[in-house]
Protein backbone atom coordinates (compact mmCIF):
# COMPACT_ATOMS: atom_id res chain seq x y z
CA MET A 1 8.03 13.75 -5.11
CA ARG A 2 6.65 10.31 -4.33
CA ILE A 3 5.58 8.54 -1.11
CA TYR A 4 4.55 4.87 -0.94
CA MET A 5 2.97 3.50 2.26
CA GLN A 6 1.63 0.13 3.43
CA THR A 7 -0.24 -1.25 6.38
CA PRO A 8 1.50 -4.02 8.32
CA TYR A 9 0.34 -7.59 7.74
CA ILE A 10 -1.99 -8.55 10.58
CA PRO A 11 -4.12 -11.63 9.75
CA PRO A 12 -6.93 -11.86 8.78
CA ASN A 13 -6.74 -8.31 7.31
CA PRO A 14 -5.01 -7.99 3.92
CA MET A 15 -2.16 -5.52 3.52
CA ARG A 16 -3.16 -2.21 1.95
CA PHE A 17 -1.15 0.41 0.09
CA TYR A 18 -1.38 4.18 -0.31
CA HIS A 19 0.68 5.88 -3.01
CA LEU A 20 1.06 9.66 -3.34
CA HIS A 21 2.98 11.48 -6.04
CA LEU A 22 3.20 14.94 -7.55
CA GLN A 23 3.32 15.54 -11.30
CA LYS A 24 3.97 18.84 -13.04
CA ASP A 25 1.42 19.61 -15.73
CA LEU A 26 1.93 21.39 -19.05
CA LEU A 27 0.43 24.66 -17.81
CA GLY A 28 2.80 25.12 -14.87
CA GLY A 29 0.53 23.67 -12.19
CA TRP A 30 0.87 20.47 -10.18
CA THR A 31 -1.29 17.36 -9.90
CA LEU A 32 -1.42 15.27 -6.73
CA VAL A 33 -2.12 11.66 -7.67
CA ARG A 34 -3.41 9.39 -4.89
CA GLU A 35 -3.80 5.66 -5.35
CA SER A 36 -4.93 3.25 -2.65
CA GLY A 37 -6.29 -0.24 -2.25
CA PRO A 38 -5.49 -3.80 -1.20
CA GLN A 39 -1.90 -4.88 -1.85
CA GLY A 40 -1.78 -6.81 -5.12
CA GLY A 41 -5.29 -5.75 -6.09
CA ARG A 42 -6.97 -2.96 -7.99
CA GLY A 43 -6.58 0.44 -6.43
CA GLN A 44 -8.65 3.57 -6.51
CA LEU A 45 -7.06 6.55 -8.30
CA THR A 46 -7.77 10.21 -7.51
CA LYS A 47 -6.16 13.29 -9.10
CA THR A 48 -6.29 16.82 -7.66
CA HIS A 49 -4.91 19.89 -9.43
CA PHE A 50 -3.01 22.69 -7.66
CA ASP A 51 -1.73 25.98 -9.05
CA SER A 52 1.49 25.96 -7.00
CA TRP A 53 4.09 23.51 -5.72
CA ASP A 54 3.63 24.72 -2.15
CA ALA A 55 -0.12 24.03 -2.15
CA ALA A 56 0.37 20.60 -3.74
CA GLU A 57 3.12 19.64 -1.29
CA ALA A 58 1.04 20.80 1.70
CA ALA A 59 -1.89 18.65 0.53
CA MET A 60 0.45 15.67 0.00
CA ILE A 61 1.85 15.99 3.53
CA LYS A 62 -1.69 16.31 4.93
CA PHE A 63 -2.75 13.06 3.21
CA ARG A 64 0.48 11.33 4.33
CA ASP A 65 -0.07 12.33 7.95
CA ALA A 66 -3.72 11.22 7.87
CA GLN A 67 -2.72 7.77 6.61
CA ILE A 68 0.06 7.42 9.19
CA LYS A 69 -2.58 8.05 11.89
CA ARG A 70 -4.61 5.19 10.34
CA GLY A 71 -1.69 2.74 10.73
CA TYR A 72 0.16 3.08 7.41
CA ARG A 73 3.96 3.15 7.36
CA VAL A 74 6.14 4.94 4.83
CA VAL A 75 7.97 2.24 2.84
CA PHE A 76 9.47 4.35 0.06
CA ARG A 77 10.03 8.06 -0.47
CA GLU A 78 11.84 9.98 -3.20
CA GLY A 79 12.16 13.59 -4.21
CA GLN A 80 12.63 16.79 -2.28
CA PRO A 81 12.17 16.46 1.47
CA SER A 82 9.51 18.74 2.91
CA ILE A 83 10.02 21.05 5.85
CA SER A 84 7.73 18.94 8.07
CA GLU A 85 9.77 15.80 7.39
CA ASN A 86 12.97 17.49 8.56
CA GLY A 87 11.48 18.31 11.95
C-alpha cells in the first residue's frame, strides 16, 4: 500500500511532499516507510517496524490523517483500500 501527498503551491512557500508505504519484511512483519520534505529536494526517511498488517495499516492511516489536517492532499494512492477510506 502506498500513499503520496503534497501541499498546494502557495507562494512564497515551496511545495512539500509526504510519502507513506508499507513493505513486507522477510520475517513476516511489516515496515512503514515515511519520507517527507520539500518537493524536488532531499527528504527525511523514517522506518517503523510492525508485527502485523493491521497495526502497520492503522499507523499509516494515522499519519495520513495527521498530514491532511496540516494541509496536505492525497495525490496518488495504490494498494488495498482501508476501512476508514471507504467511509
